[in-house]
Amino acid sequence: MTFHNNNATYVETVSLNIKDLNRSVEFYTNTIGLSVKEQDGTRAELTADGENILLILNQVDKERTHPRAAGLYHFALLLPTREDLALITMHLAAKRIPLGSADHHVSEALYLDDPDGNGIEIYIDREPEHWIWNDGQVHMVTDPLNAEDLLKDRPDPANFKGLPKDTIMGHIHLHVSELQKTDEFYTEGLGFEVILNFGGQALFMATEKYHHHIAANVWNGLGAPAPEKGSIGLDYYTVIYPSDEALNDAVSRLTALGFTTEKEDSYTLTLDPSGNHIRMQTHKSHN
């Protein structure tokens, strides 16, 4: 089963506003291991395979306007294998990058921040047949990562030559102002399913029974203000639909629920209830 193409609806590209393009490009290429597809004076498109854009960086003048606003908690790069995760762990350690880590049962993950404080997760999935489901909810925990086992083959950080070409955007995790309208927007509107309601504090949502394509939490506080457009942080992210019909159905549902949508040439723009910008697209319109 695949969770990021065919019948799935999923996140593919994240666009960030950052303070200094050269600084961020240096970080995302030399530290994270992406490569530049296109770059001009204020914008860069980053890729793992030279074709698909995973990350867009936009240099802006506006500072982060509120330390506890809605917006990005982290975006998550999904690696193909556990060996890849071990190698980048050693690479980041050799660069003395501050790291967090966790075993979520469904996945093993590293956590770090970019130079502007944007959260990044780098992770691998465990095989889906080992995930545990209880009454339609996936079992996820936050346990310590077994670094000794992960690094048992002692990968040489000098062997890190960048992210594997099969690296994709696995999911995005957002700060939101509340969960009830968020649930309605993402499930009844966009068409995701709540896979886990984490204690009324966070929702993990997906299609095709993934553990999550999108998560939303209220850990910045209920009523967290919407981010000011053009400020440092999340600019927008793309949600990819499997067909024009699926995309059009989602737009119709959003409209019926009272959410605004705006059709552009290759995508439809919408905002979630907390002011996070989303571009709805299909593969055909994205390529």
C-alpha atoms as a PDB file:
ATOM      1  CA  MET A   1       0.000   0.000   0.000  1.00  0.00           C
ATOM      2  CA  THR A   2       1.228   3.458  -0.793  1.00  0.00           C
ATOM      3  CA  PHE A   3       0.303   6.579   1.133  1.00  0.00           C
ATOM      4  CA  HIS A   4       1.641   9.356  -1.083  1.00  0.00           C
ATOM      5  CA  ASN A   5       0.278   8.695  -4.567  1.00  0.00           C
ATOM      6  CA  ASN A   6      -2.425   6.769  -6.441  1.00  0.00           C
ATOM      7  CA  ASN A   7      -5.624   7.055  -4.380  1.00  0.00           C
ATOM      8  CA  ALA A   8      -4.188   9.089  -1.509  1.00  0.00           C
ATOM      9  CA  THR A   9      -4.624  12.791  -0.804  1.00  0.00           C
ATOM     10  CA  TYR A  10      -1.430  14.073   0.760  1.00  0.00           C
ATOM     11  CA  VAL A  11       0.984  16.960   1.285  1.00  0.00           C
ATOM     12  CA  GLU A  12       3.751  17.403  -1.282  1.00  0.00           C
ATOM     13  CA  THR A  13       5.370  20.860  -1.040  1.00  0.00           C
ATOM     14  CA  VAL A  14       5.895  23.289   1.836  1.00  0.00           C
ATOM     15  CA  SER A  15       6.681  26.963   1.218  1.00  0.00           C
ATOM     16  CA  LEU A  16       8.447  28.862   4.006  1.00  0.00           C
ATOM     17  CA  ASN A  17       9.150  32.531   4.600  1.00  0.00           C
ATOM     18  CA  ILE A  18      12.685  33.018   5.864  1.00  0.00           C
ATOM     19  CA  LYS A  19      14.910  35.974   6.755  1.00  0.00           C
ATOM     20  CA  ASP A  20      18.095  35.331   4.771  1.00  0.00           C
ATOM     21  CA  LEU A  21      17.952  33.242   1.597  1.00  0.00           C
ATOM     22  CA  ASN A  22      21.662  32.516   1.378  1.00  0.00           C
ATOM     23  CA  ARG A  23      21.789  31.383   5.001  1.00  0.00           C
ATOM     24  CA  SER A  24      18.765  29.128   4.558  1.00  0.00           C
ATOM     25  CA  VAL A  25      19.936  27.640   1.259  1.00  0.00           C
ATOM     26  CA  GLU A  26      23.278  26.845   2.899  1.00  0.00           C
ATOM     27  CA  PHE A  27      21.486  25.118   5.771  1.00  0.00           C
ATOM     28  CA  TYR A  28      19.019  23.151   3.677  1.00  0.00           C
ATOM     29  CA  THR A  29      21.657  21.959   1.204  1.00  0.00           C
ATOM     30  CA  ASN A  30      24.750  21.321   3.335  1.00  0.00           C
ATOM     31  CA  THR A  31      23.040  20.360   6.595  1.00  0.00           C
ATOM     32  CA  ILE A  32      19.733  18.792   5.539  1.00  0.00           C
ATOM     33  CA  GLY A  33      20.908  17.509   2.163  1.00  0.00           C
ATOM     34  CA  LEU A  34      18.388  18.929  -0.308  1.00  0.00           C
ATOM     35  CA  SER A  35      19.561  20.420  -3.594  1.00  0.00           C
ATOM     36  CA  VAL A  36      18.593  23.631  -5.366  1.00  0.00           C
ATOM     37  CA  LYS A  37      16.398  23.247  -8.427  1.00  0.00           C
ATOM     38  CA  GLU A  38      15.939  26.959  -9.103  1.00  0.00           C
ATOM     39  CA  GLN A  39      17.028  30.097  -7.260  1.00  0.00           C
ATOM     40  CA  ASP A  40      16.841  33.841  -7.770  1.00  0.00           C
ATOM     41  CA  GLY A  41      17.501  36.785  -5.474  1.00  0.00           C
ATOM     42  CA  THR A  42      14.707  36.112  -2.996  1.00  0.00           C
ATOM     43  CA  ARG A  43      13.387  32.609  -3.714  1.00  0.00           C
ATOM     44  CA  ALA A  44      14.713  29.070  -3.965  1.00  0.00           C
ATOM     45  CA  GLU A  45      13.089  25.759  -4.865  1.00  0.00           C
ATOM     46  CA  LEU A  46      14.624  22.714  -3.184  1.00  0.00           C
ATOM     47  CA  THR A  47      14.398  19.088  -4.211  1.00  0.00           C
ATOM     48  CA  ALA A  48      15.737  15.651  -3.323  1.00  0.00           C
ATOM     49  CA  ASP A  49      15.478  14.052  -6.767  1.00  0.00           C
ATOM     50  CA  GLY A  50      16.156  17.065  -8.969  1.00  0.00           C
ATOM     51  CA  GLU A  51      12.555  17.150 -10.185  1.00  0.00           C
ATOM     52  CA  ASN A  52       9.894  17.267  -7.462  1.00  0.00           C
ATOM     53  CA  ILE A  53       9.919  20.394  -5.333  1.00  0.00           C
ATOM     54  CA  LEU A  54       9.701  19.579  -1.625  1.00  0.00           C
ATOM     55  CA  LEU A  55      10.525  22.956  -0.125  1.00  0.00           C
ATOM     56  CA  ILE A  56      10.288  26.558  -1.296  1.00  0.00           C
ATOM     57  CA  LEU A  57      12.146  29.334   0.526  1.00  0.00           C
ATOM     58  CA  ASN A  58      10.992  32.955   0.251  1.00  0.00           C
ATOM     59  CA  GLN A  59      13.114  35.757   1.695  1.00  0.00           C
ATOM     60  CA  VAL A  60      10.901  38.298   3.482  1.00  0.00           C
ATOM     61  CA  ASP A  61      11.483  41.459   5.492  1.00  0.00           C
ATOM     62  CA  LYS A  62       8.746  40.862   8.056  1.00  0.00           C
ATOM     63  CA  GLU A  63       9.754  39.224  11.330  1.00  0.00           C
ATOM     64  CA  ARG A  64       7.806  36.443  13.026  1.00  0.00           C
ATOM     65  CA  THR A  65       4.919  38.514  14.339  1.00  0.00           C
ATOM     66  CA  HIS A  66       3.792  36.470  17.338  1.00  0.00           C
ATOM     67  CA  PRO A  67       5.782  33.798  19.197  1.00  0.00           C
ATOM     68  CA  ARG A  68       2.668  31.693  19.805  1.00  0.00           C
ATOM     69  CA  ALA A  69       0.732  32.210  16.572  1.00  0.00           C
ATOM     70  CA  ALA A  70      -0.886  29.525  14.486  1.00  0.00           C
ATOM     71  CA  GLY A  71       1.283  28.199  11.671  1.00  0.00           C
ATOM     72  CA  LEU A  72       3.981  25.599  11.279  1.00  0.00           C
ATOM     73  CA  TYR A  73       4.859  23.176  14.068  1.00  0.00           C
ATOM     74  CA  HIS A  74       7.031  21.160  11.718  1.00  0.00           C
ATOM     75  CA  PHE A  75       7.194  19.733   8.221  1.00  0.00           C
ATOM     76  CA  ALA A  76       8.387  16.168   7.927  1.00  0.00           C
ATOM     77  CA  LEU A  77      10.757  14.649   5.376  1.00  0.00           C
ATOM     78  CA  LEU A  78      10.198  10.907   4.963  1.00  0.00           C
ATOM     79  CA  LEU A  79      13.307   8.854   4.144  1.00  0.00           C
ATOM     80  CA  PRO A  80      13.151   5.510   2.332  1.00  0.00           C
ATOM     81  CA  THR A  81      15.102   3.308   4.785  1.00  0.00           C
ATOM     82  CA  ARG A  82      16.313   3.033   8.352  1.00  0.00           C
ATOM     83  CA  GLU A  83      19.888   3.043   7.058  1.00  0.00           C
ATOM     84  CA  ASP A  84      19.203   6.482   5.603  1.00  0.00           C
ATOM     85  CA  LEU A  85      17.986   7.695   8.996  1.00  0.00           C
ATOM     86  CA  ALA A  86      21.089   6.294  10.690  1.00  0.00           C
ATOM     87  CA  LEU A  87      23.410   7.997   8.209  1.00  0.00           C
ATOM     88  CA  ILE A  88      21.793  11.432   8.486  1.00  0.00           C
ATOM     89  CA  THR A  89      21.802  11.091  12.277  1.00  0.00           C
ATOM     90  CA  MET A  90      25.572  10.666  12.199  1.00  0.00           C
ATOM     91  CA  HIS A  91      25.922  13.487   9.664  1.00  0.00           C
ATOM     92  CA  LEU A  92      23.915  15.914  11.823  1.00  0.00           C
ATOM     93  CA  ALA A  93      25.782  14.832  14.943  1.00  0.00           C
ATOM     94  CA  ALA A  94      29.112  15.429  13.198  1.00  0.00           C
ATOM     95  CA  LYS A  95      27.903  18.952  12.383  1.00  0.00           C
ATOM     96  CA  ARG A  96      26.903  19.377  16.062  1.00  0.00           C
ATOM     97  CA  ILE A  97      23.308  20.192  15.134  1.00  0.00           C
ATOM     98  CA  PRO A  98      21.021  20.134  18.209  1.00  0.00           C
ATOM     99  CA  LEU A  99      18.638  17.207  17.738  1.00  0.00           C
ATOM    100  CA  GLY A 100      15.555  15.782  19.354  1.00  0.00           C
ATOM    101  CA  SER A 101      14.372  12.273  18.627  1.00  0.00           C
ATOM    102  CA  ALA A 102      11.482   9.924  19.279  1.00  0.00           C
ATOM    103  CA  ASP A 103      10.068   6.492  18.598  1.00  0.00           C
ATOM    104  CA  HIS A 104       6.379   6.910  17.737  1.00  0.00           C
ATOM    105  CA  HIS A 105       5.823   3.159  17.213  1.00  0.00           C
ATOM    106  CA  VAL A 106       4.608   3.823  13.658  1.00  0.00           C
ATOM    107  CA  SER A 107       7.831   5.720  12.911  1.00  0.00           C
ATOM    108  CA  GLU A 108      11.257   6.749  14.146  1.00  0.00           C
ATOM    109  CA  ALA A 109      12.067  10.444  13.977  1.00  0.00           C
ATOM    110  CA  LEU A 110      14.627  13.203  14.409  1.00  0.00           C
ATOM    111  CA  TYR A 111      13.631  16.789  15.195  1.00  0.00           C
ATOM    112  CA  LEU A 112      15.516  20.024  14.637  1.00  0.00           C
ATOM    113  CA  ASP A 113      14.970  23.683  13.709  1.00  0.00           C
ATOM    114  CA  ASP A 114      16.154  25.678  10.725  1.00  0.00           C
ATOM    115  CA  PRO A 115      17.957  29.033  11.224  1.00  0.00           C
ATOM    116  CA  ASP A 116      14.609  30.862  11.487  1.00  0.00           C
ATOM    117  CA  GLY A 117      13.127  28.481  14.040  1.00  0.00           C
ATOM    118  CA  ASN A 118      10.968  26.538  11.564  1.00  0.00           C
ATOM    119  CA  GLY A 119      10.489  22.997  12.817  1.00  0.00           C
ATOM    120  CA  ILE A 120      11.760  20.021  10.806  1.00  0.00           C
ATOM    121  CA  GLU A 121      11.146  16.316  11.310  1.00  0.00           C
ATOM    122  CA  ILE A 122      13.199  13.705   9.455  1.00  0.00           C
ATOM    123  CA  TYR A 123      11.754  10.228   9.831  1.00  0.00           C
ATOM    124  CA  ILE A 124      11.190   6.716   8.561  1.00  0.00           C
ATOM    125  CA  ASP A 125       8.037   4.643   8.773  1.00  0.00           C
ATOM    126  CA  ARG A 126       7.873   1.230  10.292  1.00  0.00           C
ATOM    127  CA  GLU A 127       6.131  -1.323   8.104  1.00  0.00           C
ATOM    128  CA  PRO A 128       2.353  -0.649   8.192  1.00  0.00           C
ATOM    129  CA  GLU A 129       1.605  -4.264   9.094  1.00  0.00           C
ATOM    130  CA  HIS A 130       3.249  -3.579  12.464  1.00  0.00           C
ATOM    131  CA  TRP A 131       1.078  -0.545  13.253  1.00  0.00           C
ATOM    132  CA  ILE A 132      -1.532  -1.130  15.954  1.00  0.00           C
ATOM    133  CA  TRP A 133      -5.141   0.008  15.471  1.00  0.00           C
ATOM    134  CA  ASN A 134      -7.788   0.290  18.182  1.00  0.00           C
ATOM    135  CA  ASP A 135     -11.353   1.175  17.134  1.00  0.00           C
ATOM    136  CA  GLY A 136     -10.125   2.985  14.022  1.00  0.00           C
ATOM    137  CA  GLN A 137      -7.449   4.946  15.904  1.00  0.00           C
ATOM    138  CA  VAL A 138      -3.790   4.295  15.235  1.00  0.00           C
ATOM    139  CA  HIS A 139      -1.533   3.626  18.221  1.00  0.00           C
ATOM    140  CA  MET A 140       1.125   6.340  18.438  1.00  0.00           C
ATOM    141  CA  VAL A 141       3.453   7.049  21.350  1.00  0.00           C
ATOM    142  CA  THR A 142       6.423   9.304  22.034  1.00  0.00           C
ATOM    143  CA  ASP A 143       9.077   6.998  23.426  1.00  0.00           C
ATOM    144  CA  PRO A 144      12.851   7.471  23.396  1.00  0.00           C
ATOM    145  CA  LEU A 145      14.494   6.566  20.118  1.00  0.00           C
ATOM    146  CA  ASN A 146      16.760   3.535  20.462  1.00  0.00           C
ATOM    147  CA  ALA A 147      19.821   5.305  19.105  1.00  0.00           C
ATOM    148  CA  GLU A 148      22.132   2.440  20.026  1.00  0.00           C
ATOM    149  CA  ASP A 149      20.179   0.079  17.797  1.00  0.00           C
ATOM    150  CA  LEU A 150      19.707   2.670  15.027  1.00  0.00           C
ATOM    151  CA  LEU A 151      23.448   3.341  14.884  1.00  0.00           C
ATOM    152  CA  LYS A 152      24.639  -0.204  15.494  1.00  0.00           C
ATOM    153  CA  ASP A 153      26.372  -0.378  12.093  1.00  0.00           C
ATOM    154  CA  ARG A 154      28.278   2.844  12.877  1.00  0.00           C
ATOM    155  CA  PRO A 155      27.650   4.659   9.578  1.00  0.00           C
ATOM    156  CA  ASP A 156      30.407   7.054   8.561  1.00  0.00           C
ATOM    157  CA  PRO A 157      29.065  10.624   8.333  1.00  0.00           C
ATOM    158  CA  ALA A 158      31.497  11.243   5.477  1.00  0.00           C
ATOM    159  CA  ASN A 159      29.281   8.943   3.394  1.00  0.00           C
ATOM    160  CA  PHE A 160      26.378  11.383   3.589  1.00  0.00           C
ATOM    161  CA  LYS A 161      26.012  12.874   0.096  1.00  0.00           C
ATOM    162  CA  GLY A 162      22.569  14.408   0.521  1.00  0.00           C
ATOM    163  CA  LEU A 163      19.060  13.120   1.028  1.00  0.00           C
ATOM    164  CA  PRO A 164      18.108  10.004  -0.949  1.00  0.00           C
ATOM    165  CA  LYS A 165      16.299  10.726  -4.212  1.00  0.00           C
ATOM    166  CA  ASP A 166      13.212   8.895  -2.913  1.00  0.00           C
ATOM    167  CA  THR A 167      12.808  11.316   0.018  1.00  0.00           C
ATOM    168  CA  ILE A 168       9.318  12.848   0.051  1.00  0.00           C
ATOM    169  CA  MET A 169       7.277  15.237   2.171  1.00  0.00           C
ATOM    170  CA  GLY A 170       5.724  12.751   4.556  1.00  0.00           C
ATOM    171  CA  HIS A 171       3.426  15.085   6.466  1.00  0.00           C
ATOM    172  CA  ILE A 172       2.939  18.543   7.930  1.00  0.00           C
ATOM    173  CA  HIS A 173       2.087  19.384  11.553  1.00  0.00           C
ATOM    174  CA  LEU A 174       0.407  22.703  12.306  1.00  0.00           C
ATOM    175  CA  HIS A 175      -0.316  24.971  15.224  1.00  0.00           C
ATOM    176  CA  VAL A 176      -4.004  25.920  15.135  1.00  0.00           C
ATOM    177  CA  SER A 177      -6.262  28.103  17.260  1.00  0.00           C
ATOM    178  CA  GLU A 178      -8.878  25.440  18.067  1.00  0.00           C
ATOM    179  CA  LEU A 179      -9.821  21.908  17.010  1.00  0.00           C
ATOM    180  CA  GLN A 180     -13.584  21.779  16.327  1.00  0.00           C
ATOM    181  CA  LYS A 181     -13.628  23.940  13.187  1.00  0.00           C
ATOM    182  CA  THR A 182     -10.219  22.536  12.264  1.00  0.00           C
ATOM    183  CA  ASP A 183     -11.694  19.027  12.332  1.00  0.00           C
ATOM    184  CA  GLU A 184     -14.627  20.149  10.168  1.00  0.00           C
ATOM    185  CA  PHE A 185     -12.382  21.898   7.651  1.00  0.00           C
ATOM    186  CA  TYR A 186      -9.910  19.062   7.188  1.00  0.00           C
ATOM    187  CA  THR A 187     -12.326  16.126   7.343  1.00  0.00           C
ATOM    188  CA  GLU A 188     -15.675  17.307   5.945  1.00  0.00           C
ATOM    189  CA  GLY A 189     -13.981  19.850   3.674  1.00  0.00           C
ATOM    190  CA  LEU A 190     -10.608  18.614   2.442  1.00  0.00           C
ATOM    191  CA  GLY A 191     -11.573  14.959   2.838  1.00  0.00           C
ATOM    192  CA  PHE A 192      -9.130  13.641   5.433  1.00  0.00           C
ATOM    193  CA  GLU A 193     -10.029  11.239   8.229  1.00  0.00           C
ATOM    194  CA  VAL A 194      -9.111  11.656  11.894  1.00  0.00           C
ATOM    195  CA  ILE A 195      -6.729   8.774  12.562  1.00  0.00           C
ATOM    196  CA  LEU A 196      -5.978   9.802  16.155  1.00  0.00           C
ATOM    197  CA  ASN A 197      -7.507  12.350  18.504  1.00  0.00           C
ATOM    198  CA  PHE A 198      -4.717  12.958  20.980  1.00  0.00           C
ATOM    199  CA  GLY A 199      -6.403  13.896  24.229  1.00  0.00           C
ATOM    200  CA  GLY A 200      -8.360  16.775  22.734  1.00  0.00           C
ATOM    201  CA  GLN A 201      -5.018  18.541  22.174  1.00  0.00           C
ATOM    202  CA  ALA A 202      -4.103  17.366  18.689  1.00  0.00           C
ATOM    203  CA  LEU A 203      -5.659  15.717  15.647  1.00  0.00           C
ATOM    204  CA  PHE A 204      -3.762  13.373  13.352  1.00  0.00           C
ATOM    205  CA  MET A 205      -5.473  13.133   9.957  1.00  0.00           C
ATOM    206  CA  ALA A 206      -4.853  11.110   6.817  1.00  0.00           C
ATOM    207  CA  THR A 207      -6.234   9.302   3.809  1.00  0.00           C
ATOM    208  CA  GLU A 208      -5.698   5.647   2.916  1.00  0.00           C
ATOM    209  CA  LYS A 209      -5.095   4.792   6.602  1.00  0.00           C
ATOM    210  CA  TYR A 210      -1.699   6.480   6.871  1.00  0.00           C
ATOM    211  CA  HIS A 211      -0.746   7.477  10.427  1.00  0.00           C
ATOM    212  CA  HIS A 212      -0.999  11.126   9.388  1.00  0.00           C
ATOM    213  CA  HIS A 213      -0.604  13.353   6.368  1.00  0.00           C
ATOM    214  CA  ILE A 214      -1.638  16.396   8.402  1.00  0.00           C
ATOM    215  CA  ALA A 215      -1.626  16.988  12.151  1.00  0.00           C
ATOM    216  CA  ALA A 216      -2.944  19.992  14.047  1.00  0.00           C
ATOM    217  CA  ASN A 217      -2.386  20.912  17.682  1.00  0.00           C
ATOM    218  CA  VAL A 218      -3.411  23.653  20.120  1.00  0.00           C
ATOM    219  CA  TRP A 219      -0.144  23.576  22.063  1.00  0.00           C
ATOM    220  CA  ASN A 220       0.428  27.287  21.328  1.00  0.00           C
ATOM    221  CA  GLY A 221      -2.789  27.964  23.230  1.00  0.00           C
ATOM    222  CA  LEU A 222      -6.461  28.129  22.355  1.00  0.00           C
ATOM    223  CA  GLY A 223      -7.183  31.211  20.305  1.00  0.00           C
ATOM    224  CA  ALA A 224      -3.658  31.422  18.904  1.00  0.00           C
ATOM    225  CA  PRO A 225      -3.707  34.327  16.417  1.00  0.00           C
ATOM    226  CA  ALA A 226      -3.404  33.761  12.679  1.00  0.00           C
ATOM    227  CA  PRO A 227       0.099  34.403  11.349  1.00  0.00           C
ATOM    228  CA  GLU A 228       0.512  37.749   9.611  1.00  0.00           C
ATOM    229  CA  LYS A 229       0.807  37.182   5.866  1.00  0.00           C
ATOM    230  CA  GLY A 230       4.372  37.531   4.688  1.00  0.00           C
ATOM    231  CA  SER A 231       5.930  37.033   8.119  1.00  0.00           C
ATOM    232  CA  ILE A 232       8.601  34.448   8.849  1.00  0.00           C
ATOM    233  CA  GLY A 233       7.141  30.950   9.108  1.00  0.00           C
ATOM    234  CA  LEU A 234       4.743  28.963   6.959  1.00  0.00           C
ATOM    235  CA  ASP A 235       3.820  30.596   3.654  1.00  0.00           C
ATOM    236  CA  TYR A 236       1.620  27.784   2.317  1.00  0.00           C
ATOM    237  CA  TYR A 237       1.606  24.057   1.683  1.00  0.00           C
ATOM    238  CA  THR A 238       0.167  21.981  -1.150  1.00  0.00           C
ATOM    239  CA  VAL A 239      -2.399  19.215  -0.847  1.00  0.00           C
ATOM    240  CA  ILE A 240      -2.356  16.861  -3.828  1.00  0.00           C
ATOM    241  CA  TYR A 241      -5.583  15.152  -4.916  1.00  0.00           C
ATOM    242  CA  PRO A 242      -5.638  11.973  -7.016  1.00  0.00           C
ATOM    243  CA  SER A 243      -7.951  13.410  -9.703  1.00  0.00           C
ATOM    244  CA  ASP A 244      -9.719  16.537 -10.906  1.00  0.00           C
ATOM    245  CA  GLU A 245     -12.968  15.012  -9.684  1.00  0.00           C
ATOM    246  CA  ALA A 246     -11.621  14.533  -6.167  1.00  0.00           C
ATOM    247  CA  LEU A 247     -10.276  18.097  -6.115  1.00  0.00           C
ATOM    248  CA  ASN A 248     -13.530  19.581  -7.399  1.00  0.00           C
ATOM    249  CA  ASP A 249     -15.527  17.591  -4.846  1.00  0.00           C
ATOM    250  CA  ALA A 250     -13.339  18.980  -2.048  1.00  0.00           C
ATOM    251  CA  VAL A 251     -13.794  22.545  -3.305  1.00  0.00           C
ATOM    252  CA  SER A 252     -17.565  22.026  -3.404  1.00  0.00           C
ATOM    253  CA  ARG A 253     -17.593  20.673   0.142  1.00  0.00           C
ATOM    254  CA  LEU A 254     -15.523  23.599   1.434  1.00  0.00           C
ATOM    255  CA  THR A 255     -17.846  26.078  -0.243  1.00  0.00           C
ATOM    256  CA  ALA A 256     -20.919  24.359   1.192  1.00  0.00           C
ATOM    257  CA  LEU A 257     -19.369  24.569   4.666  1.00  0.00           C
ATOM    258  CA  GLY A 258     -18.786  28.302   4.268  1.00  0.00           C
ATOM    259  CA  PHE A 259     -15.009  28.229   3.735  1.00  0.00           C
ATOM    260  CA  THR A 260     -13.549  30.438   1.036  1.00  0.00           C
ATOM    261  CA  THR A 261     -11.760  29.095  -2.031  1.00  0.00           C
ATOM    262  CA  GLU A 262     -10.074  30.996  -4.844  1.00  0.00           C
ATOM    263  CA  LYS A 263      -9.277  29.406  -8.195  1.00  0.00           C
ATOM    264  CA  GLU A 264      -5.881  30.183  -9.720  1.00  0.00           C
ATOM    265  CA  ASP A 265      -4.333  28.818 -12.922  1.00  0.00           C
ATOM    266  CA  SER A 266      -2.874  25.603 -11.498  1.00  0.00           C
ATOM    267  CA  TYR A 267      -4.351  25.391  -8.011  1.00  0.00           C
ATOM    268  CA  THR A 268      -7.200  26.402  -5.735  1.00  0.00           C
ATOM    269  CA  LEU A 269      -6.253  28.470  -2.692  1.00  0.00           C
ATOM    270  CA  THR A 270      -8.014  28.072   0.623  1.00  0.00           C
ATOM    271  CA  LEU A 271      -7.330  28.981   4.256  1.00  0.00           C
ATOM    272  CA  ASP A 272      -7.964  26.753   7.220  1.00  0.00           C
ATOM    273  CA  PRO A 273      -9.824  28.268  10.209  1.00  0.00           C
ATOM    274  CA  SER A 274      -6.518  29.350  11.763  1.00  0.00           C
ATOM    275  CA  GLY A 275      -5.298  31.208   8.691  1.00  0.00           C
ATOM    276  CA  ASN A 276      -2.902  28.591   7.289  1.00  0.00           C
ATOM    277  CA  HIS A 277      -2.728  28.887   3.481  1.00  0.00           C
ATOM    278  CA  ILE A 278      -3.268  25.724   1.425  1.00  0.00           C
ATOM    279  CA  ARG A 279      -2.933  25.198  -2.311  1.00  0.00           C
ATOM    280  CA  MET A 280      -5.140  22.347  -3.537  1.00  0.00           C
ATOM    281  CA  GLN A 281      -3.816  20.690  -6.691  1.00  0.00           C
ATOM    282  CA  THR A 282      -3.692  17.491  -8.691  1.00  0.00           C
ATOM    283  CA  HIS A 283      -0.592  15.788 -10.056  1.00  0.00           C
ATOM    284  CA  LYS A 284      -1.506  17.004 -13.533  1.00  0.00           C
ATOM    285  CA  SER A 285      -1.733  20.660 -12.465  1.00  0.00           C
ATOM    286  CA  HIS A 286       1.354  20.383 -10.284  1.00  0.00           C
ATOM    287  CA  ASN A 287       3.716  19.088 -12.967  1.00  0.00           C
END
